N, C-alpha and C. Protein backbone atom coordinates (compact mmCIF):
# COMPACT_ATOMS: atom_id res chain seq x y z
N MET A 1 22.33 13.13 15.16
CA MET A 1 21.06 12.44 15.29
C MET A 1 19.94 13.42 14.95
N THR A 2 18.93 12.91 14.28
CA THR A 2 17.74 13.67 13.97
C THR A 2 16.56 12.99 14.63
N GLU A 3 15.70 13.78 15.22
CA GLU A 3 14.49 13.24 15.85
C GLU A 3 13.32 14.12 15.47
N LYS A 4 12.24 13.50 14.98
CA LYS A 4 11.03 14.22 14.61
C LYS A 4 9.84 13.57 15.30
N THR A 5 8.89 14.37 15.69
CA THR A 5 7.66 13.88 16.31
C THR A 5 6.48 14.47 15.55
N VAL A 6 5.51 13.62 15.24
CA VAL A 6 4.29 14.07 14.58
C VAL A 6 3.10 13.48 15.32
N PRO A 7 1.91 14.05 15.14
CA PRO A 7 0.72 13.44 15.76
C PRO A 7 0.51 12.03 15.22
N SER A 8 0.24 11.09 16.11
CA SER A 8 -0.02 9.71 15.69
C SER A 8 -1.34 9.60 14.96
N PHE A 9 -1.36 8.78 13.93
CA PHE A 9 -2.60 8.46 13.23
C PHE A 9 -2.37 7.15 12.50
N ASN A 10 -3.05 6.10 12.92
CA ASN A 10 -2.92 4.77 12.32
C ASN A 10 -4.17 4.43 11.53
N VAL A 11 -3.97 3.77 10.43
CA VAL A 11 -5.07 3.28 9.60
C VAL A 11 -4.75 1.84 9.25
N GLU A 12 -5.76 0.98 9.28
CA GLU A 12 -5.58 -0.42 8.89
C GLU A 12 -6.62 -0.84 7.87
N ILE A 13 -6.18 -1.62 6.91
CA ILE A 13 -7.09 -2.30 5.97
C ILE A 13 -7.17 -3.74 6.44
N HIS A 14 -8.38 -4.28 6.56
CA HIS A 14 -8.61 -5.68 6.91
C HIS A 14 -9.32 -6.34 5.73
N MET A 15 -8.70 -7.40 5.20
CA MET A 15 -9.28 -8.04 4.02
C MET A 15 -8.93 -9.53 4.01
N ALA A 16 -9.85 -10.35 3.55
CA ALA A 16 -9.57 -11.76 3.32
C ALA A 16 -8.83 -11.89 1.99
N GLY A 17 -8.12 -12.99 1.83
CA GLY A 17 -7.43 -13.23 0.57
C GLY A 17 -6.01 -13.71 0.77
N ASP A 18 -5.37 -14.00 -0.31
CA ASP A 18 -4.02 -14.55 -0.33
C ASP A 18 -3.00 -13.46 0.02
N ILE A 19 -2.35 -13.59 1.15
CA ILE A 19 -1.38 -12.59 1.60
C ILE A 19 -0.18 -12.48 0.66
N ASN A 20 0.22 -13.57 0.05
CA ASN A 20 1.36 -13.52 -0.87
C ASN A 20 1.03 -12.72 -2.12
N ALA A 21 -0.16 -12.92 -2.64
CA ALA A 21 -0.60 -12.13 -3.79
C ALA A 21 -0.76 -10.66 -3.38
N ALA A 22 -1.29 -10.43 -2.18
CA ALA A 22 -1.44 -9.05 -1.68
C ALA A 22 -0.08 -8.37 -1.59
N ALA A 23 0.94 -9.08 -1.12
CA ALA A 23 2.27 -8.50 -0.98
C ALA A 23 2.81 -8.03 -2.33
N LEU A 24 2.61 -8.84 -3.36
CA LEU A 24 3.08 -8.45 -4.69
C LEU A 24 2.34 -7.21 -5.20
N ILE A 25 1.05 -7.17 -4.99
CA ILE A 25 0.24 -6.01 -5.41
C ILE A 25 0.68 -4.76 -4.65
N ILE A 26 0.90 -4.91 -3.35
CA ILE A 26 1.32 -3.76 -2.53
C ILE A 26 2.70 -3.28 -2.95
N GLN A 27 3.62 -4.20 -3.24
CA GLN A 27 4.96 -3.80 -3.70
C GLN A 27 4.88 -2.99 -4.99
N ARG A 28 4.07 -3.43 -5.91
CA ARG A 28 3.91 -2.71 -7.18
C ARG A 28 3.28 -1.33 -6.93
N TYR A 29 2.25 -1.31 -6.09
CA TYR A 29 1.57 -0.05 -5.75
C TYR A 29 2.55 0.91 -5.07
N ALA A 30 3.36 0.41 -4.15
CA ALA A 30 4.33 1.24 -3.43
C ALA A 30 5.37 1.82 -4.39
N ALA A 31 5.82 1.02 -5.33
CA ALA A 31 6.82 1.49 -6.30
C ALA A 31 6.25 2.59 -7.18
N GLU A 32 4.96 2.47 -7.51
CA GLU A 32 4.32 3.44 -8.40
C GLU A 32 3.92 4.73 -7.68
N THR A 33 3.61 4.64 -6.38
CA THR A 33 3.02 5.79 -5.69
C THR A 33 3.88 6.36 -4.56
N GLY A 34 4.91 5.63 -4.15
CA GLY A 34 5.69 6.07 -3.00
C GLY A 34 4.94 5.79 -1.72
N LEU A 35 5.22 4.67 -1.08
CA LEU A 35 4.42 4.22 0.05
C LEU A 35 5.23 3.27 0.90
N CYS A 36 4.96 3.25 2.19
CA CYS A 36 5.54 2.27 3.10
C CYS A 36 4.44 1.83 4.06
N VAL A 37 4.15 0.54 4.09
CA VAL A 37 3.11 -0.01 4.95
C VAL A 37 3.61 -1.30 5.59
N THR A 38 2.88 -1.78 6.57
CA THR A 38 3.14 -3.10 7.12
C THR A 38 2.12 -4.07 6.55
N LEU A 39 2.45 -5.35 6.56
CA LEU A 39 1.54 -6.39 6.08
C LEU A 39 1.64 -7.57 7.03
N GLN A 40 0.51 -7.95 7.60
CA GLN A 40 0.48 -9.06 8.56
C GLN A 40 -0.65 -10.02 8.23
N PRO A 41 -0.42 -11.31 8.42
CA PRO A 41 -1.51 -12.28 8.23
C PRO A 41 -2.50 -12.18 9.37
N GLN A 42 -3.74 -12.52 9.08
CA GLN A 42 -4.75 -12.62 10.13
C GLN A 42 -5.85 -13.57 9.69
N SER A 43 -6.50 -14.15 10.69
CA SER A 43 -7.62 -15.06 10.44
C SER A 43 -8.91 -14.36 10.80
N PHE A 44 -9.90 -14.54 9.96
CA PHE A 44 -11.24 -14.03 10.23
C PHE A 44 -12.07 -15.24 10.64
N ILE A 45 -12.49 -15.26 11.88
CA ILE A 45 -13.30 -16.37 12.41
C ILE A 45 -14.67 -15.81 12.72
N TYR A 46 -15.69 -16.41 12.14
CA TYR A 46 -17.05 -15.89 12.27
C TYR A 46 -18.03 -17.05 12.36
N THR A 47 -19.26 -16.76 12.69
CA THR A 47 -20.29 -17.78 12.78
C THR A 47 -20.36 -18.53 11.46
N GLY A 48 -20.10 -19.80 11.50
CA GLY A 48 -20.21 -20.63 10.31
C GLY A 48 -18.96 -20.72 9.46
N GLY A 49 -17.85 -20.13 9.89
CA GLY A 49 -16.68 -20.26 9.03
C GLY A 49 -15.44 -19.56 9.51
N ARG A 50 -14.47 -19.61 8.62
CA ARG A 50 -13.16 -19.01 8.87
C ARG A 50 -12.51 -18.72 7.52
N GLU A 51 -11.84 -17.59 7.43
CA GLU A 51 -11.10 -17.22 6.23
C GLU A 51 -9.75 -16.67 6.64
N GLU A 52 -8.76 -16.93 5.82
CA GLU A 52 -7.44 -16.33 6.05
C GLU A 52 -7.36 -15.03 5.26
N GLY A 53 -6.63 -14.12 5.80
CA GLY A 53 -6.49 -12.83 5.14
C GLY A 53 -5.29 -12.08 5.67
N PHE A 54 -5.40 -10.76 5.68
CA PHE A 54 -4.27 -9.92 6.04
C PHE A 54 -4.74 -8.57 6.55
N ARG A 55 -3.78 -7.88 7.16
CA ARG A 55 -3.99 -6.52 7.64
C ARG A 55 -2.86 -5.67 7.09
N VAL A 56 -3.21 -4.55 6.49
CA VAL A 56 -2.23 -3.59 5.97
C VAL A 56 -2.25 -2.40 6.92
N GLY A 57 -1.08 -2.03 7.42
CA GLY A 57 -1.00 -0.94 8.38
C GLY A 57 -0.31 0.30 7.84
N PHE A 58 -0.94 1.44 8.10
CA PHE A 58 -0.38 2.75 7.75
C PHE A 58 -0.15 3.52 9.05
N ILE A 59 0.92 4.29 9.12
CA ILE A 59 1.13 5.20 10.24
C ILE A 59 1.47 6.58 9.68
N ASN A 60 1.38 7.57 10.53
CA ASN A 60 1.86 8.89 10.17
C ASN A 60 3.37 8.87 10.41
N TYR A 61 4.10 8.52 9.39
CA TYR A 61 5.55 8.32 9.47
C TYR A 61 6.22 9.69 9.58
N ALA A 62 6.94 9.91 10.67
CA ALA A 62 7.50 11.23 10.97
C ALA A 62 8.49 11.72 9.90
N ARG A 63 9.12 10.80 9.20
CA ARG A 63 10.06 11.23 8.15
C ARG A 63 9.33 11.90 7.00
N PHE A 64 8.13 11.41 6.69
CA PHE A 64 7.30 11.98 5.63
C PHE A 64 5.88 12.17 6.18
N PRO A 65 5.67 13.14 7.05
CA PRO A 65 4.37 13.29 7.71
C PRO A 65 3.25 13.64 6.73
N LYS A 66 2.07 13.17 7.06
CA LYS A 66 0.87 13.41 6.26
C LYS A 66 -0.28 13.81 7.18
N GLU A 67 -1.26 14.44 6.61
CA GLU A 67 -2.49 14.74 7.33
C GLU A 67 -3.33 13.46 7.42
N PRO A 68 -4.12 13.31 8.49
CA PRO A 68 -4.96 12.10 8.61
C PRO A 68 -5.80 11.81 7.37
N GLY A 69 -6.39 12.83 6.79
CA GLY A 69 -7.21 12.61 5.59
C GLY A 69 -6.43 12.05 4.42
N ASP A 70 -5.18 12.46 4.31
CA ASP A 70 -4.33 11.93 3.23
C ASP A 70 -3.99 10.46 3.47
N ILE A 71 -3.76 10.09 4.72
CA ILE A 71 -3.46 8.69 5.05
C ILE A 71 -4.68 7.82 4.76
N VAL A 72 -5.86 8.30 5.16
CA VAL A 72 -7.10 7.55 4.89
C VAL A 72 -7.32 7.41 3.39
N ALA A 73 -7.10 8.48 2.64
CA ALA A 73 -7.29 8.43 1.19
C ALA A 73 -6.38 7.39 0.55
N ARG A 74 -5.13 7.32 0.99
CA ARG A 74 -4.21 6.32 0.45
C ARG A 74 -4.67 4.92 0.79
N ALA A 75 -5.14 4.73 2.04
CA ALA A 75 -5.63 3.42 2.45
C ALA A 75 -6.85 3.01 1.63
N ARG A 76 -7.75 3.95 1.41
CA ARG A 76 -8.95 3.64 0.62
C ARG A 76 -8.57 3.26 -0.82
N ASP A 77 -7.61 3.97 -1.39
CA ASP A 77 -7.19 3.67 -2.76
C ASP A 77 -6.53 2.30 -2.84
N LEU A 78 -5.61 2.03 -1.93
CA LEU A 78 -4.94 0.72 -1.93
C LEU A 78 -5.94 -0.40 -1.67
N ALA A 79 -6.87 -0.20 -0.75
CA ALA A 79 -7.88 -1.23 -0.47
C ALA A 79 -8.71 -1.54 -1.71
N SER A 80 -9.07 -0.52 -2.46
CA SER A 80 -9.84 -0.72 -3.68
C SER A 80 -9.03 -1.52 -4.71
N VAL A 81 -7.76 -1.19 -4.85
CA VAL A 81 -6.88 -1.93 -5.77
C VAL A 81 -6.77 -3.39 -5.35
N LEU A 82 -6.52 -3.62 -4.05
CA LEU A 82 -6.40 -4.99 -3.54
C LEU A 82 -7.70 -5.77 -3.73
N CYS A 83 -8.82 -5.16 -3.40
CA CYS A 83 -10.12 -5.83 -3.50
C CYS A 83 -10.37 -6.31 -4.93
N GLN A 84 -10.15 -5.44 -5.88
CA GLN A 84 -10.37 -5.80 -7.28
C GLN A 84 -9.38 -6.86 -7.75
N ALA A 85 -8.10 -6.67 -7.45
CA ALA A 85 -7.06 -7.59 -7.93
C ALA A 85 -7.19 -8.98 -7.31
N LEU A 86 -7.64 -9.04 -6.05
CA LEU A 86 -7.75 -10.33 -5.36
C LEU A 86 -9.13 -10.96 -5.50
N GLY A 87 -10.05 -10.28 -6.17
CA GLY A 87 -11.40 -10.83 -6.36
C GLY A 87 -12.19 -10.92 -5.07
N GLN A 88 -11.94 -9.99 -4.15
CA GLN A 88 -12.67 -9.99 -2.88
C GLN A 88 -13.96 -9.19 -3.03
N HIS A 89 -14.86 -9.39 -2.09
CA HIS A 89 -16.14 -8.70 -2.14
C HIS A 89 -16.29 -7.62 -1.10
N SER A 90 -15.44 -7.63 -0.07
CA SER A 90 -15.56 -6.62 0.97
C SER A 90 -14.25 -6.46 1.73
N TYR A 91 -14.19 -5.37 2.47
CA TYR A 91 -13.05 -5.09 3.34
C TYR A 91 -13.46 -4.02 4.33
N SER A 92 -12.64 -3.84 5.33
CA SER A 92 -12.86 -2.78 6.32
C SER A 92 -11.62 -1.90 6.40
N ILE A 93 -11.86 -0.63 6.66
CA ILE A 93 -10.79 0.33 6.92
C ILE A 93 -11.03 0.90 8.31
N VAL A 94 -10.03 0.76 9.18
CA VAL A 94 -10.16 1.16 10.58
C VAL A 94 -9.22 2.31 10.87
N THR A 95 -9.77 3.39 11.44
CA THR A 95 -8.97 4.53 11.89
C THR A 95 -9.22 4.69 13.39
N PRO A 96 -8.53 5.60 14.03
CA PRO A 96 -8.78 5.81 15.46
C PRO A 96 -10.18 6.33 15.76
N VAL A 97 -10.87 6.86 14.76
CA VAL A 97 -12.17 7.48 15.01
C VAL A 97 -13.35 6.78 14.35
N GLU A 98 -13.10 5.92 13.36
CA GLU A 98 -14.22 5.24 12.70
C GLU A 98 -13.75 3.99 11.96
N THR A 99 -14.71 3.11 11.72
CA THR A 99 -14.48 1.91 10.90
C THR A 99 -15.45 1.96 9.73
N THR A 100 -14.92 1.80 8.54
CA THR A 100 -15.74 1.80 7.32
C THR A 100 -15.69 0.42 6.70
N TRP A 101 -16.85 -0.16 6.46
CA TRP A 101 -16.97 -1.45 5.78
C TRP A 101 -17.41 -1.17 4.36
N VAL A 102 -16.72 -1.74 3.38
CA VAL A 102 -17.05 -1.56 1.98
C VAL A 102 -17.39 -2.93 1.41
N SER A 103 -18.58 -3.05 0.79
CA SER A 103 -18.99 -4.31 0.19
C SER A 103 -19.42 -4.09 -1.25
N HIS A 104 -19.01 -5.02 -2.10
CA HIS A 104 -19.42 -5.00 -3.51
C HIS A 104 -20.42 -6.12 -3.80
N ARG A 105 -20.92 -6.76 -2.74
CA ARG A 105 -21.90 -7.83 -2.93
C ARG A 105 -23.26 -7.23 -3.27
N PRO A 106 -23.92 -7.75 -4.29
CA PRO A 106 -25.25 -7.22 -4.65
C PRO A 106 -26.25 -7.30 -3.49
N GLU A 107 -26.17 -8.35 -2.70
CA GLU A 107 -27.12 -8.51 -1.59
C GLU A 107 -26.92 -7.51 -0.47
N ASP A 108 -25.78 -6.83 -0.45
CA ASP A 108 -25.52 -5.83 0.59
C ASP A 108 -25.97 -4.44 0.19
N ARG A 109 -26.35 -4.26 -1.06
CA ARG A 109 -26.80 -2.93 -1.52
C ARG A 109 -28.16 -2.63 -0.92
N GLN A 110 -28.31 -1.37 -0.53
CA GLN A 110 -29.59 -0.97 0.09
C GLN A 110 -30.39 -0.10 -0.80
């Protein structure tokens, strides 16, 4: 038996859009870059509406440990690929220490 322990570090991408299309994009991305993530459906319920979407989960996998910055960088890259491919306008990336919201809507530019 082999047992490894690494510092925990979780990152999640939260995005609206078709989870089935997202799964195909993530599979292709994983094959090209070497990646393992989770994919779960989620509903975004907000004032005036509701959208279906998904959550992509990253962990510091003890078999192939990474530094937190490397995990965040991978999440940011995958989120950008998903956003463009799915025609979305925004997404959030959540880490244990911060949440980053990214928007490509012209009205959100400051």
